[in-house]
Amino acid sequence: MPVVSALEPIAFWPVVRSTAVWWSPVAAGFIGALGVHLLTPSREREKWILDSKKAEYRELLSALSQAHMSATELSVQIGSVRYSPSKAQNHPRICSGKNKGMV
């Protein structure tokens, strides 16, 4: 049996090829884990941003809806108190042009 000393160079690529069955699944696992580790935080951040935008738009639409309902309620209350058909017939914006006197 030949004795190999520590100073004698060993052919690197033949050793790598002959042991690939043992180390390639381990290397592939580490590379996959590294990829998942690098990609997961960015995807979670994207999801958090989208969820935040969704919540902000929901809040904005809710506030706009409440403001619209309040304005509608207020205009109905003001209109029922101040409306009189005799004033509306003489109002220049309501009875202008060809629609005069149709109210």
C-alpha atoms as a PDB file:
ATOM      1  CA  MET A   1       0.000   0.000   0.000  1.00  0.00           C
ATOM      2  CA  PRO A   2       1.457   3.323  -1.026  1.00  0.00           C
ATOM      3  CA  VAL A   3       2.079   5.808   1.739  1.00  0.00           C
ATOM      4  CA  VAL A   4       1.078   9.402   0.994  1.00  0.00           C
ATOM      5  CA  SER A   5       2.977  12.068   2.801  1.00  0.00           C
ATOM      6  CA  ALA A   6       1.400  15.367   3.827  1.00  0.00           C
ATOM      7  CA  LEU A   7       3.640  17.295   1.488  1.00  0.00           C
ATOM      8  CA  GLU A   8       2.821  15.311  -1.625  1.00  0.00           C
ATOM      9  CA  PRO A   9       0.192  17.020  -3.800  1.00  0.00           C
ATOM     10  CA  ILE A  10      -3.049  15.151  -4.344  1.00  0.00           C
ATOM     11  CA  ALA A  11      -4.976  15.463  -7.598  1.00  0.00           C
ATOM     12  CA  PHE A  12      -7.967  17.584  -6.547  1.00  0.00           C
ATOM     13  CA  TRP A  13     -10.560  16.975  -9.296  1.00  0.00           C
ATOM     14  CA  PRO A  14     -10.411  13.169  -9.337  1.00  0.00           C
ATOM     15  CA  VAL A  15     -11.045  13.193  -5.580  1.00  0.00           C
ATOM     16  CA  VAL A  16     -13.951  15.631  -5.991  1.00  0.00           C
ATOM     17  CA  ARG A  17     -15.507  13.496  -8.728  1.00  0.00           C
ATOM     18  CA  SER A  18     -15.180  10.295  -6.791  1.00  0.00           C
ATOM     19  CA  THR A  19     -16.738  11.759  -3.612  1.00  0.00           C
ATOM     20  CA  ALA A  20     -19.511  13.776  -5.328  1.00  0.00           C
ATOM     21  CA  VAL A  21     -22.075  11.168  -4.316  1.00  0.00           C
ATOM     22  CA  TRP A  22     -21.456  12.100  -0.688  1.00  0.00           C
ATOM     23  CA  TRP A  23     -21.060  15.867  -0.722  1.00  0.00           C
ATOM     24  CA  SER A  24     -23.388  17.011  -3.542  1.00  0.00           C
ATOM     25  CA  PRO A  25     -26.690  16.447  -1.641  1.00  0.00           C
ATOM     26  CA  VAL A  26     -25.265  18.287   1.353  1.00  0.00           C
ATOM     27  CA  ALA A  27     -24.088  21.198  -0.814  1.00  0.00           C
ATOM     28  CA  ALA A  28     -27.438  21.346  -2.603  1.00  0.00           C
ATOM     29  CA  GLY A  29     -29.231  21.437   0.765  1.00  0.00           C
ATOM     30  CA  PHE A  30     -27.058  24.299   1.998  1.00  0.00           C
ATOM     31  CA  ILE A  31     -27.536  26.253  -1.225  1.00  0.00           C
ATOM     32  CA  GLY A  32     -31.309  25.742  -1.055  1.00  0.00           C
ATOM     33  CA  ALA A  33     -31.435  26.796   2.596  1.00  0.00           C
ATOM     34  CA  LEU A  34     -29.372  29.879   1.801  1.00  0.00           C
ATOM     35  CA  GLY A  35     -31.738  30.791  -1.044  1.00  0.00           C
ATOM     36  CA  VAL A  36     -34.800  30.397   1.149  1.00  0.00           C
ATOM     37  CA  HIS A  37     -33.112  32.398   3.904  1.00  0.00           C
ATOM     38  CA  LEU A  38     -32.349  35.256   1.519  1.00  0.00           C
ATOM     39  CA  LEU A  39     -35.718  35.320  -0.254  1.00  0.00           C
ATOM     40  CA  THR A  40     -38.107  34.877   2.686  1.00  0.00           C
ATOM     41  CA  PRO A  41     -37.567  38.275   4.373  1.00  0.00           C
ATOM     42  CA  SER A  42     -38.098  40.184   1.135  1.00  0.00           C
ATOM     43  CA  ARG A  43     -41.333  38.303   0.419  1.00  0.00           C
ATOM     44  CA  GLU A  44     -42.573  38.875   3.965  1.00  0.00           C
ATOM     45  CA  ARG A  45     -41.767  42.578   3.643  1.00  0.00           C
ATOM     46  CA  GLU A  46     -43.684  42.786   0.346  1.00  0.00           C
ATOM     47  CA  LYS A  47     -46.661  41.080   1.966  1.00  0.00           C
ATOM     48  CA  TRP A  48     -46.505  43.448   4.954  1.00  0.00           C
ATOM     49  CA  ILE A  49     -46.419  46.478   2.626  1.00  0.00           C
ATOM     50  CA  LEU A  50     -49.404  45.195   0.633  1.00  0.00           C
ATOM     51  CA  ASP A  51     -51.354  44.473   3.838  1.00  0.00           C
ATOM     52  CA  SER A  52     -50.558  47.959   5.148  1.00  0.00           C
ATOM     53  CA  LYS A  53     -51.722  49.582   1.909  1.00  0.00           C
ATOM     54  CA  LYS A  54     -54.896  47.528   1.999  1.00  0.00           C
ATOM     55  CA  ALA A  55     -55.618  48.623   5.590  1.00  0.00           C
ATOM     56  CA  GLU A  56     -54.919  52.274   4.726  1.00  0.00           C
ATOM     57  CA  TYR A  57     -57.255  52.197   1.712  1.00  0.00           C
ATOM     58  CA  ARG A  58     -59.937  50.494   3.800  1.00  0.00           C
ATOM     59  CA  GLU A  59     -59.587  53.222   6.442  1.00  0.00           C
ATOM     60  CA  LEU A  60     -59.675  55.963   3.785  1.00  0.00           C
ATOM     61  CA  LEU A  61     -62.803  54.532   2.138  1.00  0.00           C
ATOM     62  CA  SER A  62     -64.486  54.197   5.515  1.00  0.00           C
ATOM     63  CA  ALA A  63     -63.731  57.837   6.374  1.00  0.00           C
ATOM     64  CA  LEU A  64     -64.928  59.028   2.949  1.00  0.00           C
ATOM     65  CA  SER A  65     -68.100  56.984   3.283  1.00  0.00           C
ATOM     66  CA  GLN A  66     -68.817  58.424   6.731  1.00  0.00           C
ATOM     67  CA  ALA A  67     -68.152  61.955   5.468  1.00  0.00           C
ATOM     68  CA  HIS A  68     -70.471  61.414   2.511  1.00  0.00           C
ATOM     69  CA  MET A  69     -73.230  60.042   4.732  1.00  0.00           C
ATOM     70  CA  SER A  70     -72.863  62.972   7.141  1.00  0.00           C
ATOM     71  CA  ALA A  71     -72.953  65.482   4.290  1.00  0.00           C
ATOM     72  CA  THR A  72     -76.008  63.792   2.781  1.00  0.00           C
ATOM     73  CA  GLU A  73     -77.796  63.782   6.143  1.00  0.00           C
ATOM     74  CA  LEU A  74     -76.938  67.426   6.704  1.00  0.00           C
ATOM     75  CA  SER A  75     -78.080  68.489   3.243  1.00  0.00           C
ATOM     76  CA  VAL A  76     -81.382  66.643   3.653  1.00  0.00           C
ATOM     77  CA  GLN A  77     -81.970  68.330   7.015  1.00  0.00           C
ATOM     78  CA  ILE A  78     -81.091  71.764   5.654  1.00  0.00           C
ATOM     79  CA  GLY A  79     -83.131  71.206   2.494  1.00  0.00           C
ATOM     80  CA  SER A  80     -86.252  70.134   4.370  1.00  0.00           C
ATOM     81  CA  VAL A  81     -86.085  73.211   6.591  1.00  0.00           C
ATOM     82  CA  ARG A  82     -85.284  75.827   3.952  1.00  0.00           C
ATOM     83  CA  TYR A  83     -87.037  74.495   0.834  1.00  0.00           C
ATOM     84  CA  SER A  84     -90.147  76.219  -0.374  1.00  0.00           C
ATOM     85  CA  PRO A  85     -91.545  75.797  -3.899  1.00  0.00           C
ATOM     86  CA  SER A  86     -92.286  79.509  -4.294  1.00  0.00           C
ATOM     87  CA  LYS A  87     -88.627  80.438  -3.717  1.00  0.00           C
ATOM     88  CA  ALA A  88     -87.410  77.686  -6.033  1.00  0.00           C
ATOM     89  CA  GLN A  89     -89.472  78.939  -8.975  1.00  0.00           C
ATOM     90  CA  ASN A  90     -87.833  82.373  -8.773  1.00  0.00           C
ATOM     91  CA  HIS A  91     -84.290  81.093  -8.180  1.00  0.00           C
ATOM     92  CA  PRO A  92     -82.039  81.935 -11.180  1.00  0.00           C
ATOM     93  CA  ARG A  93     -79.974  78.725 -11.078  1.00  0.00           C
ATOM     94  CA  ILE A  94     -82.919  76.372 -10.802  1.00  0.00           C
ATOM     95  CA  CYS A  95     -85.043  78.090 -13.430  1.00  0.00           C
ATOM     96  CA  SER A  96     -82.598  79.211 -16.058  1.00  0.00           C
ATOM     97  CA  GLY A  97     -82.893  79.024 -19.827  1.00  0.00           C
ATOM     98  CA  LYS A  98     -85.431  76.727 -21.431  1.00  0.00           C
ATOM     99  CA  ASN A  99     -86.413  74.971 -18.145  1.00  0.00           C
ATOM    100  CA  LYS A 100     -87.919  78.127 -16.644  1.00  0.00           C
ATOM    101  CA  GLY A 101     -91.057  77.501 -14.630  1.00  0.00           C
ATOM    102  CA  MET A 102     -90.840  73.682 -14.817  1.00  0.00           C
ATOM    103  CA  VAL A 103     -90.066  73.201 -11.113  1.00  0.00           C
END
